[in-house]
Amino acid sequence: MIRKAFKMFLYPGMEEEYEKRHNMLWPEMKEMIHAHGGHNYSIYLDRETHVLYGYIEIEDETLWAASADTPVNRRWWDFMADIMETNEDNSPVCVDLTPVFQLD
């Protein structure tokens, strides 16, 4: 299993809306994440900075990268674009974090 951590950027005042949308995550989005090898996915919010910190375990980098081009993922990006920083294709601005310590 490959561990990945990253940060994204929520617009101020959108904390409740972000949580609401994720609490109602589409079943087809959940299925897509699992079908592309994603497991143990968590997102945390720093309310002072509006930075979202994500953690996911994936089976394979190539399989996971392919999830970005699925129709359901593209719809999700469009759905979330109004409440967070995005790129031109509506993908979230996402910065990978460098692992520096891990304890099992």
PDB file of N, CA and C in Angstrom:
ATOM      1  N   MET A   1       0.851  -1.183   0.000  1.00  0.00           N
ATOM      2  CA  MET A   1       0.000   0.000   0.000  1.00  0.00           C
ATOM      3  C   MET A   1       0.894   1.242   0.000  1.00  0.00           C
ATOM      4  N   ILE A   2       0.537   2.203  -0.807  1.00  0.00           N
ATOM      5  CA  ILE A   2       1.262   3.468  -0.918  1.00  0.00           C
ATOM      6  C   ILE A   2       0.468   4.537  -0.167  1.00  0.00           C
ATOM      7  N   ARG A   3       1.125   5.229   0.753  1.00  0.00           N
ATOM      8  CA  ARG A   3       0.483   6.303   1.502  1.00  0.00           C
ATOM      9  C   ARG A   3       0.709   7.626   0.785  1.00  0.00           C
ATOM     10  N   LYS A   4      -0.361   8.413   0.643  1.00  0.00           N
ATOM     11  CA  LYS A   4      -0.256   9.729   0.018  1.00  0.00           C
ATOM     12  C   LYS A   4      -0.905  10.759   0.937  1.00  0.00           C
ATOM     13  N   ALA A   5      -0.258  11.896   1.052  1.00  0.00           N
ATOM     14  CA  ALA A   5      -0.825  13.020   1.797  1.00  0.00           C
ATOM     15  C   ALA A   5      -0.690  14.269   0.934  1.00  0.00           C
ATOM     16  N   PHE A   6      -1.653  15.157   1.068  1.00  0.00           N
ATOM     17  CA  PHE A   6      -1.686  16.337   0.221  1.00  0.00           C
ATOM     18  C   PHE A   6      -2.501  17.426   0.901  1.00  0.00           C
ATOM     19  N   LYS A   7      -2.373  18.642   0.370  1.00  0.00           N
ATOM     20  CA  LYS A   7      -3.198  19.739   0.886  1.00  0.00           C
ATOM     21  C   LYS A   7      -3.930  20.406  -0.261  1.00  0.00           C
ATOM     22  N   MET A   8      -5.107  20.916   0.065  1.00  0.00           N
ATOM     23  CA  MET A   8      -5.950  21.670  -0.861  1.00  0.00           C
ATOM     24  C   MET A   8      -6.414  22.910  -0.113  1.00  0.00           C
ATOM     25  N   PHE A   9      -7.093  23.814  -0.821  1.00  0.00           N
ATOM     26  CA  PHE A   9      -7.371  25.122  -0.247  1.00  0.00           C
ATOM     27  C   PHE A   9      -8.844  25.487  -0.381  1.00  0.00           C
ATOM     28  N   LEU A  10      -9.510  25.583   0.747  1.00  0.00           N
ATOM     29  CA  LEU A  10     -10.929  25.887   0.808  1.00  0.00           C
ATOM     30  C   LEU A  10     -11.119  27.401   0.876  1.00  0.00           C
ATOM     31  N   TYR A  11     -12.161  27.903   0.218  1.00  0.00           N
ATOM     32  CA  TYR A  11     -12.477  29.322   0.331  1.00  0.00           C
ATOM     33  C   TYR A  11     -13.033  29.600   1.729  1.00  0.00           C
ATOM     34  N   PRO A  12     -12.682  30.743   2.320  1.00  0.00           N
ATOM     35  CA  PRO A  12     -13.214  31.093   3.639  1.00  0.00           C
ATOM     36  C   PRO A  12     -14.745  31.088   3.630  1.00  0.00           C
ATOM     37  N   GLY A  13     -15.311  30.583   4.704  1.00  0.00           N
ATOM     38  CA  GLY A  13     -16.756  30.533   4.858  1.00  0.00           C
ATOM     39  C   GLY A  13     -17.404  29.302   4.235  1.00  0.00           C
ATOM     40  N   MET A  14     -16.637  28.440   3.595  1.00  0.00           N
ATOM     41  CA  MET A  14     -17.187  27.274   2.906  1.00  0.00           C
ATOM     42  C   MET A  14     -16.992  25.963   3.692  1.00  0.00           C
ATOM     43  N   GLU A  15     -16.586  26.082   4.943  1.00  0.00           N
ATOM     44  CA  GLU A  15     -16.299  24.904   5.751  1.00  0.00           C
ATOM     45  C   GLU A  15     -17.512  23.978   5.893  1.00  0.00           C
ATOM     46  N   GLU A  16     -18.642  24.537   6.260  1.00  0.00           N
ATOM     47  CA  GLU A  16     -19.845  23.725   6.455  1.00  0.00           C
ATOM     48  C   GLU A  16     -20.318  23.105   5.144  1.00  0.00           C
ATOM     49  N   GLU A  17     -20.248  23.864   4.068  1.00  0.00           N
ATOM     50  CA  GLU A  17     -20.681  23.349   2.766  1.00  0.00           C
ATOM     51  C   GLU A  17     -19.770  22.211   2.294  1.00  0.00           C
ATOM     52  N   TYR A  18     -18.477  22.362   2.511  1.00  0.00           N
ATOM     53  CA  TYR A  18     -17.534  21.309   2.121  1.00  0.00           C
ATOM     54  C   TYR A  18     -17.848  20.017   2.873  1.00  0.00           C
ATOM     55  N   GLU A  19     -18.026  20.138   4.177  1.00  0.00           N
ATOM     56  CA  GLU A  19     -18.342  18.954   4.985  1.00  0.00           C
ATOM     57  C   GLU A  19     -19.689  18.348   4.569  1.00  0.00           C
ATOM     58  N   LYS A  20     -20.682  19.189   4.330  1.00  0.00           N
ATOM     59  CA  LYS A  20     -22.007  18.717   3.916  1.00  0.00           C
ATOM     60  C   LYS A  20     -21.917  17.902   2.625  1.00  0.00           C
ATOM     61  N   ARG A  21     -21.210  18.439   1.636  1.00  0.00           N
ATOM     62  CA  ARG A  21     -21.090  17.731   0.357  1.00  0.00           C
ATOM     63  C   ARG A  21     -20.367  16.396   0.508  1.00  0.00           C
ATOM     64  N   HIS A  22     -19.367  16.353   1.363  1.00  0.00           N
ATOM     65  CA  HIS A  22     -18.645  15.085   1.548  1.00  0.00           C
ATOM     66  C   HIS A  22     -19.443  14.087   2.381  1.00  0.00           C
ATOM     67  N   ASN A  23     -20.269  14.571   3.268  1.00  0.00           N
ATOM     68  CA  ASN A  23     -21.132  13.662   4.028  1.00  0.00           C
ATOM     69  C   ASN A  23     -22.183  13.014   3.136  1.00  0.00           C
ATOM     70  N   MET A  24     -22.439  13.619   1.978  1.00  0.00           N
ATOM     71  CA  MET A  24     -23.401  13.073   1.015  1.00  0.00           C
ATOM     72  C   MET A  24     -22.678  12.592  -0.246  1.00  0.00           C
ATOM     73  N   LEU A  25     -21.436  12.130  -0.084  1.00  0.00           N
ATOM     74  CA  LEU A  25     -20.627  11.693  -1.223  1.00  0.00           C
ATOM     75  C   LEU A  25     -21.399  10.696  -2.071  1.00  0.00           C
ATOM     76  N   TRP A  26     -21.413  10.938  -3.371  1.00  0.00           N
ATOM     77  CA  TRP A  26     -22.158  10.098  -4.299  1.00  0.00           C
ATOM     78  C   TRP A  26     -21.668   8.653  -4.234  1.00  0.00           C
ATOM     79  N   PRO A  27     -22.579   7.688  -4.238  1.00  0.00           N
ATOM     80  CA  PRO A  27     -22.174   6.273  -4.228  1.00  0.00           C
ATOM     81  C   PRO A  27     -21.249   5.928  -5.390  1.00  0.00           C
ATOM     82  N   GLU A  28     -21.492   6.510  -6.571  1.00  0.00           N
ATOM     83  CA  GLU A  28     -20.634   6.203  -7.713  1.00  0.00           C
ATOM     84  C   GLU A  28     -19.226   6.781  -7.540  1.00  0.00           C
ATOM     85  N   MET A  29     -19.085   7.840  -6.750  1.00  0.00           N
ATOM     86  CA  MET A  29     -17.756   8.389  -6.456  1.00  0.00           C
ATOM     87  C   MET A  29     -17.019   7.449  -5.503  1.00  0.00           C
ATOM     88  N   LYS A  30     -17.711   6.949  -4.495  1.00  0.00           N
ATOM     89  CA  LYS A  30     -17.100   5.976  -3.584  1.00  0.00           C
ATOM     90  C   LYS A  30     -16.632   4.745  -4.351  1.00  0.00           C
ATOM     91  N   GLU A  31     -17.484   4.268  -5.245  1.00  0.00           N
ATOM     92  CA  GLU A  31     -17.139   3.086  -6.045  1.00  0.00           C
ATOM     93  C   GLU A  31     -15.926   3.353  -6.918  1.00  0.00           C
ATOM     94  N   MET A  32     -15.850   4.528  -7.515  1.00  0.00           N
ATOM     95  CA  MET A  32     -14.723   4.871  -8.370  1.00  0.00           C
ATOM     96  C   MET A  32     -13.425   4.912  -7.575  1.00  0.00           C
ATOM     97  N   ILE A  33     -13.462   5.512  -6.393  1.00  0.00           N
ATOM     98  CA  ILE A  33     -12.262   5.583  -5.550  1.00  0.00           C
ATOM     99  C   ILE A  33     -11.755   4.176  -5.249  1.00  0.00           C
ATOM    100  N   HIS A  34     -12.653   3.302  -4.832  1.00  0.00           N
ATOM    101  CA  HIS A  34     -12.249   1.928  -4.525  1.00  0.00           C
ATOM    102  C   HIS A  34     -11.795   1.180  -5.769  1.00  0.00           C
ATOM    103  N   ALA A  35     -12.484   1.370  -6.893  1.00  0.00           N
ATOM    104  CA  ALA A  35     -12.110   0.689  -8.137  1.00  0.00           C
ATOM    105  C   ALA A  35     -10.725   1.115  -8.628  1.00  0.00           C
ATOM    106  N   HIS A  36     -10.294   2.308  -8.248  1.00  0.00           N
ATOM    107  CA  HIS A  36      -8.972   2.792  -8.647  1.00  0.00           C
ATOM    108  C   HIS A  36      -7.942   2.630  -7.523  1.00  0.00           C
ATOM    109  N   GLY A  37      -8.234   1.729  -6.598  1.00  0.00           N
ATOM    110  CA  GLY A  37      -7.254   1.356  -5.590  1.00  0.00           C
ATOM    111  C   GLY A  37      -7.125   2.282  -4.410  1.00  0.00           C
ATOM    112  N   GLY A  38      -8.109   3.158  -4.187  1.00  0.00           N
ATOM    113  CA  GLY A  38      -8.064   4.069  -3.050  1.00  0.00           C
ATOM    114  C   GLY A  38      -8.732   3.484  -1.822  1.00  0.00           C
ATOM    115  N   HIS A  39      -8.064   3.585  -0.681  1.00  0.00           N
ATOM    116  CA  HIS A  39      -8.564   3.059   0.593  1.00  0.00           C
ATOM    117  C   HIS A  39      -8.176   4.013   1.723  1.00  0.00           C
ATOM    118  N   ASN A  40      -8.894   3.911   2.819  1.00  0.00           N
ATOM    119  CA  ASN A  40      -8.544   4.636   4.046  1.00  0.00           C
ATOM    120  C   ASN A  40      -8.349   6.130   3.761  1.00  0.00           C
ATOM    121  N   TYR A  41      -9.326   6.741   3.112  1.00  0.00           N
ATOM    122  CA  TYR A  41      -9.257   8.128   2.661  1.00  0.00           C
ATOM    123  C   TYR A  41      -9.830   9.038   3.741  1.00  0.00           C
ATOM    124  N   SER A  42      -9.055  10.023   4.137  1.00  0.00           N
ATOM    125  CA  SER A  42      -9.493  11.004   5.131  1.00  0.00           C
ATOM    126  C   SER A  42      -9.095  12.400   4.680  1.00  0.00           C
ATOM    127  N   ILE A  43      -9.927  13.383   5.032  1.00  0.00           N
ATOM    128  CA  ILE A  43      -9.605  14.784   4.770  1.00  0.00           C
ATOM    129  C   ILE A  43      -9.837  15.549   6.071  1.00  0.00           C
ATOM    130  N   TYR A  44      -8.863  16.387   6.435  1.00  0.00           N
ATOM    131  CA  TYR A  44      -8.937  17.195   7.648  1.00  0.00           C
ATOM    132  C   TYR A  44      -8.871  18.673   7.274  1.00  0.00           C
ATOM    133  N   LEU A  45      -9.527  19.494   8.066  1.00  0.00           N
ATOM    134  CA  LEU A  45      -9.568  20.927   7.819  1.00  0.00           C
ATOM    135  C   LEU A  45      -8.870  21.679   8.949  1.00  0.00           C
ATOM    136  N   ASP A  46      -7.969  22.584   8.583  1.00  0.00           N
ATOM    137  CA  ASP A  46      -7.414  23.551   9.519  1.00  0.00           C
ATOM    138  C   ASP A  46      -8.294  24.787   9.405  1.00  0.00           C
ATOM    139  N   ARG A  47      -9.163  25.008  10.365  1.00  0.00           N
ATOM    140  CA  ARG A  47     -10.141  26.096  10.297  1.00  0.00           C
ATOM    141  C   ARG A  47      -9.502  27.484  10.327  1.00  0.00           C
ATOM    142  N   GLU A  48      -8.300  27.601  10.870  1.00  0.00           N
ATOM    143  CA  GLU A  48      -7.632  28.901  10.906  1.00  0.00           C
ATOM    144  C   GLU A  48      -7.103  29.319   9.539  1.00  0.00           C
ATOM    145  N   THR A  49      -6.640  28.351   8.746  1.00  0.00           N
ATOM    146  CA  THR A  49      -6.018  28.677   7.458  1.00  0.00           C
ATOM    147  C   THR A  49      -6.874  28.276   6.258  1.00  0.00           C
ATOM    148  N   HIS A  50      -7.927  27.501   6.479  1.00  0.00           N
ATOM    149  CA  HIS A  50      -8.796  26.962   5.428  1.00  0.00           C
ATOM    150  C   HIS A  50      -8.066  25.950   4.543  1.00  0.00           C
ATOM    151  N   VAL A  51      -6.976  25.391   5.064  1.00  0.00           N
ATOM    152  CA  VAL A  51      -6.240  24.367   4.327  1.00  0.00           C
ATOM    153  C   VAL A  51      -6.836  23.006   4.668  1.00  0.00           C
ATOM    154  N   LEU A  52      -7.085  22.231   3.622  1.00  0.00           N
ATOM    155  CA  LEU A  52      -7.569  20.856   3.761  1.00  0.00           C
ATOM    156  C   LEU A  52      -6.371  19.922   3.629  1.00  0.00           C
ATOM    157  N   TYR A  53      -6.260  18.971   4.532  1.00  0.00           N
ATOM    158  CA  TYR A  53      -5.185  17.987   4.467  1.00  0.00           C
ATOM    159  C   TYR A  53      -5.807  16.626   4.192  1.00  0.00           C
ATOM    160  N   GLY A  54      -5.382  16.012   3.101  1.00  0.00           N
ATOM    161  CA  GLY A  54      -5.914  14.720   2.716  1.00  0.00           C
ATOM    162  C   GLY A  54      -4.895  13.618   2.924  1.00  0.00           C
ATOM    163  N   TYR A  55      -5.406  12.437   3.224  1.00  0.00           N
ATOM    164  CA  TYR A  55      -4.583  11.233   3.356  1.00  0.00           C
ATOM    165  C   TYR A  55      -5.340  10.095   2.685  1.00  0.00           C
ATOM    166  N   ILE A  56      -4.637   9.347   1.848  1.00  0.00           N
ATOM    167  CA  ILE A  56      -5.235   8.185   1.203  1.00  0.00           C
ATOM    168  C   ILE A  56      -4.165   7.117   1.027  1.00  0.00           C
ATOM    169  N   GLU A  57      -4.598   5.891   1.079  1.00  0.00           N
ATOM    170  CA  GLU A  57      -3.721   4.774   0.760  1.00  0.00           C
ATOM    171  C   GLU A  57      -4.169   4.228  -0.585  1.00  0.00           C
ATOM    172  N   ILE A  58      -3.205   4.051  -1.487  1.00  0.00           N
ATOM    173  CA  ILE A  58      -3.524   3.564  -2.827  1.00  0.00           C
ATOM    174  C   ILE A  58      -2.731   2.293  -3.124  1.00  0.00           C
ATOM    175  N   GLU A  59      -3.248   1.519  -4.070  1.00  0.00           N
ATOM    176  CA  GLU A  59      -2.593   0.274  -4.446  1.00  0.00           C
ATOM    177  C   GLU A  59      -1.512   0.492  -5.499  1.00  0.00           C
ATOM    178  N   ASP A  60      -1.730   1.454  -6.397  1.00  0.00           N
ATOM    179  CA  ASP A  60      -0.839   1.638  -7.541  1.00  0.00           C
ATOM    180  C   ASP A  60      -0.948   3.076  -8.040  1.00  0.00           C
ATOM    181  N   GLU A  61       0.172   3.738  -8.256  1.00  0.00           N
ATOM    182  CA  GLU A  61       0.174   5.141  -8.699  1.00  0.00           C
ATOM    183  C   GLU A  61      -0.513   5.326 -10.057  1.00  0.00           C
ATOM    184  N   THR A  62      -0.248   4.423 -10.994  1.00  0.00           N
ATOM    185  CA  THR A  62      -0.825   4.549 -12.329  1.00  0.00           C
ATOM    186  C   THR A  62      -2.329   4.376 -12.299  1.00  0.00           C
ATOM    187  N   LEU A  63      -2.791   3.361 -11.572  1.00  0.00           N
ATOM    188  CA  LEU A  63      -4.231   3.128 -11.442  1.00  0.00           C
ATOM    189  C   LEU A  63      -4.903   4.327 -10.782  1.00  0.00           C
ATOM    190  N   TRP A  64      -4.302   4.855  -9.738  1.00  0.00           N
ATOM    191  CA  TRP A  64      -4.877   5.999  -9.039  1.00  0.00           C
ATOM    192  C   TRP A  64      -4.906   7.237  -9.945  1.00  0.00           C
ATOM    193  N   ALA A  65      -3.830   7.473 -10.684  1.00  0.00           N
ATOM    194  CA  ALA A  65      -3.777   8.624 -11.587  1.00  0.00           C
ATOM    195  C   ALA A  65      -4.894   8.561 -12.629  1.00  0.00           C
ATOM    196  N   ALA A  66      -5.264   7.360 -13.056  1.00  0.00           N
ATOM    197  CA  ALA A  66      -6.330   7.197 -14.048  1.00  0.00           C
ATOM    198  C   ALA A  66      -7.692   7.627 -13.511  1.00  0.00           C
ATOM    199  N   SER A  67      -7.855   7.676 -12.208  1.00  0.00           N
ATOM    200  CA  SER A  67      -9.139   8.080 -11.627  1.00  0.00           C
ATOM    201  C   SER A  67      -9.491   9.518 -11.982  1.00  0.00           C
ATOM    202  N   ALA A  68      -8.490  10.357 -12.225  1.00  0.00           N
ATOM    203  CA  ALA A  68      -8.740  11.763 -12.550  1.00  0.00           C
ATOM    204  C   ALA A  68      -9.540  11.926 -13.836  1.00  0.00           C
ATOM    205  N   ASP A  69      -9.412  10.981 -14.753  1.00  0.00           N
ATOM    206  CA  ASP A  69     -10.080  11.108 -16.050  1.00  0.00           C
ATOM    207  C   ASP A  69     -11.421  10.394 -16.124  1.00  0.00           C
ATOM    208  N   THR A  70     -11.933   9.928 -15.008  1.00  0.00           N
ATOM    209  CA  THR A  70     -13.240   9.273 -15.038  1.00  0.00           C
ATOM    210  C   THR A  70     -14.345  10.328 -15.070  1.00  0.00           C
ATOM    211  N   PRO A  71     -15.459  10.024 -15.742  1.00  0.00           N
ATOM    212  CA  PRO A  71     -16.562  10.999 -15.802  1.00  0.00           C
ATOM    213  C   PRO A  71     -17.078  11.408 -14.419  1.00  0.00           C
ATOM    214  N   VAL A  72     -17.172  10.471 -13.495  1.00  0.00           N
ATOM    215  CA  VAL A  72     -17.696  10.820 -12.167  1.00  0.00           C
ATOM    216  C   VAL A  72     -16.736  11.752 -11.445  1.00  0.00           C
ATOM    217  N   ASN A  73     -15.442  11.546 -11.598  1.00  0.00           N
ATOM    218  CA  ASN A  73     -14.483  12.429 -10.949  1.00  0.00           C
ATOM    219  C   ASN A  73     -14.548  13.829 -11.539  1.00  0.00           C
ATOM    220  N   ARG A  74     -14.690  13.933 -12.855  1.00  0.00           N
ATOM    221  CA  ARG A  74     -14.811  15.243 -13.499  1.00  0.00           C
ATOM    222  C   ARG A  74     -16.071  15.976 -13.033  1.00  0.00           C
ATOM    223  N   ARG A  75     -17.159  15.224 -12.865  1.00  0.00           N
ATOM    224  CA  ARG A  75     -18.399  15.841 -12.344  1.00  0.00           C
ATOM    225  C   ARG A  75     -18.194  16.324 -10.912  1.00  0.00           C
ATOM    226  N   TRP A  76     -17.470  15.530 -10.105  1.00  0.00           N
ATOM    227  CA  TRP A  76     -17.205  15.915  -8.715  1.00  0.00           C
ATOM    228  C   TRP A  76     -16.376  17.201  -8.676  1.00  0.00           C
ATOM    229  N   TRP A  77     -15.350  17.277  -9.506  1.00  0.00           N
ATOM    230  CA  TRP A  77     -14.549  18.500  -9.550  1.00  0.00           C
ATOM    231  C   TRP A  77     -15.412  19.700  -9.892  1.00  0.00           C
ATOM    232  N   ASP A  78     -16.276  19.556 -10.878  1.00  0.00           N
ATOM    233  CA  ASP A  78     -17.172  20.659 -11.253  1.00  0.00           C
ATOM    234  C   ASP A  78     -18.086  21.040 -10.095  1.00  0.00           C
ATOM    235  N   PHE A  79     -18.586  20.051  -9.376  1.00  0.00           N
ATOM    236  CA  PHE A  79     -19.489  20.251  -8.245  1.00  0.00           C
ATOM    237  C   PHE A  79     -18.799  21.002  -7.100  1.00  0.00           C
ATOM    238  N   MET A  80     -17.503  20.774  -6.917  1.00  0.00           N
ATOM    239  CA  MET A  80     -16.768  21.364  -5.798  1.00  0.00           C
ATOM    240  C   MET A  80     -16.072  22.680  -6.147  1.00  0.00           C
ATOM    241  N   ALA A  81     -16.020  23.034  -7.422  1.00  0.00           N
ATOM    242  CA  ALA A  81     -15.208  24.173  -7.876  1.00  0.00           C
ATOM    243  C   ALA A  81     -15.613  25.511  -7.273  1.00  0.00           C
ATOM    244  N   ASP A  82     -16.856  25.659  -6.873  1.00  0.00           N
ATOM    245  CA  ASP A  82     -17.290  26.949  -6.348  1.00  0.00           C
ATOM    246  C   ASP A  82     -16.896  27.195  -4.897  1.00  0.00           C
ATOM    247  N   ILE A  83     -16.346  26.197  -4.227  1.00  0.00           N
ATOM    248  CA  ILE A  83     -16.035  26.377  -2.806  1.00  0.00           C
ATOM    249  C   ILE A  83     -14.556  26.184  -2.460  1.00  0.00           C
ATOM    250  N   MET A  84     -13.721  25.920  -3.488  1.00  0.00           N
ATOM    251  CA  MET A  84     -12.300  25.723  -3.212  1.00  0.00           C
ATOM    252  C   MET A  84     -11.452  26.178  -4.394  1.00  0.00           C
ATOM    253  N   GLU A  85     -10.168  26.373  -4.147  1.00  0.00           N
ATOM    254  CA  GLU A  85      -9.262  26.773  -5.206  1.00  0.00           C
ATOM    255  C   GLU A  85      -9.116  25.636  -6.211  1.00  0.00           C
ATOM    256  N   THR A  86      -9.239  25.984  -7.503  1.00  0.00           N
ATOM    257  CA  THR A  86      -9.145  24.973  -8.549  1.00  0.00           C
ATOM    258  C   THR A  86      -8.238  25.437  -9.683  1.00  0.00           C
ATOM    259  N   ASN A  87      -7.835  24.466 -10.473  1.00  0.00           N
ATOM    260  CA  ASN A  87      -7.098  24.726 -11.707  1.00  0.00           C
ATOM    261  C   ASN A  87      -8.112  25.016 -12.817  1.00  0.00           C
ATOM    262  N   GLU A  88      -7.612  25.304 -14.029  1.00  0.00           N
ATOM    263  CA  GLU A  88      -8.494  25.635 -15.144  1.00  0.00           C
ATOM    264  C   GLU A  88      -9.479  24.521 -15.488  1.00  0.00           C
ATOM    265  N   ASP A  89      -9.105  23.252 -15.233  1.00  0.00           N
ATOM    266  CA  ASP A  89      -9.995  22.122 -15.546  1.00  0.00           C
ATOM    267  C   ASP A  89     -10.908  21.762 -14.374  1.00  0.00           C
ATOM    268  N   ASN A  90     -10.964  22.630 -13.362  1.00  0.00           N
ATOM    269  CA  ASN A  90     -11.745  22.456 -12.134  1.00  0.00           C
ATOM    270  C   ASN A  90     -11.167  21.419 -11.182  1.00  0.00           C
ATOM    271  N   SER A  91     -10.016  20.837 -11.494  1.00  0.00           N
ATOM    272  CA  SER A  91      -9.359  19.964 -10.519  1.00  0.00           C
ATOM    273  C   SER A  91      -8.914  20.833  -9.347  1.00  0.00           C
ATOM    274  N   PRO A  92      -8.960  20.307  -8.129  1.00  0.00           N
ATOM    275  CA  PRO A  92      -8.542  21.122  -6.996  1.00  0.00           C
ATOM    276  C   PRO A  92      -7.047  21.431  -7.069  1.00  0.00           C
ATOM    277  N   VAL A  93      -6.686  22.642  -6.669  1.00  0.00           N
ATOM    278  CA  VAL A  93      -5.268  22.933  -6.486  1.00  0.00           C
ATOM    279  C   VAL A  93      -4.818  22.018  -5.352  1.00  0.00           C
ATOM    280  N   CYS A  94      -3.852  21.189  -5.639  1.00  0.00           N
ATOM    281  CA  CYS A  94      -3.459  20.131  -4.713  1.00  0.00           C
ATOM    282  C   CYS A  94      -1.932  20.082  -4.653  1.00  0.00           C
ATOM    283  N   VAL A  95      -1.400  20.117  -3.449  1.00  0.00           N
ATOM    284  CA  VAL A  95       0.042  20.076  -3.240  1.00  0.00           C
ATOM    285  C   VAL A  95       0.373  18.809  -2.458  1.00  0.00           C
ATOM    286  N   ASP A  96       1.199  17.936  -3.053  1.00  0.00           N
ATOM    287  CA  ASP A  96       1.616  16.730  -2.352  1.00  0.00           C
ATOM    288  C   ASP A  96       2.476  17.098  -1.167  1.00  0.00           C
ATOM    289  N   LEU A  97       2.317  16.372  -0.064  1.00  0.00           N
ATOM    290  CA  LEU A  97       3.138  16.569   1.124  1.00  0.00           C
ATOM    291  C   LEU A  97       4.218  15.490   1.161  1.00  0.00           C
ATOM    292  N   THR A  98       5.377  15.854   1.681  1.00  0.00           N
ATOM    293  CA  THR A  98       6.513  14.943   1.759  1.00  0.00           C
ATOM    294  C   THR A  98       6.479  14.201   3.082  1.00  0.00           C
ATOM    295  N   PRO A  99       6.496  12.879   3.038  1.00  0.00           N
ATOM    296  CA  PRO A  99       6.522  12.139   4.299  1.00  0.00           C
ATOM    297  C   PRO A  99       7.866  12.328   5.006  1.00  0.00           C
ATOM    298  N   VAL A 100       7.802  12.566   6.310  1.00  0.00           N
ATOM    299  CA  VAL A 100       9.031  12.718   7.092  1.00  0.00           C
ATOM    300  C   VAL A 100       9.076  11.781   8.295  1.00  0.00           C
ATOM    301  N   PHE A 101       7.946  11.169   8.665  1.00  0.00           N
ATOM    302  CA  PHE A 101       7.913  10.226   9.784  1.00  0.00           C
ATOM    303  C   PHE A 101       6.655   9.395   9.710  1.00  0.00           C
ATOM    304  N   GLN A 102       6.797   8.131  10.056  1.00  0.00           N
ATOM    305  CA  GLN A 102       5.651   7.224  10.097  1.00  0.00           C
ATOM    306  C   GLN A 102       5.930   6.145  11.131  1.00  0.00           C
ATOM    307  N   LEU A 103       4.951   5.822  11.954  1.00  0.00           N
ATOM    308  CA  LEU A 103       5.071   4.793  12.982  1.00  0.00           C
ATOM    309  C   LEU A 103       3.872   3.873  12.903  1.00  0.00           C
ATOM    310  N   ASP A 104       4.093   2.597  12.739  1.00  0.00           N
ATOM    311  CA  ASP A 104       3.001   1.615  12.755  1.00  0.00           C
ATOM    312  C   ASP A 104       2.752   1.149  14.168  1.00  0.00           C
TER     313      ASP A 104
END
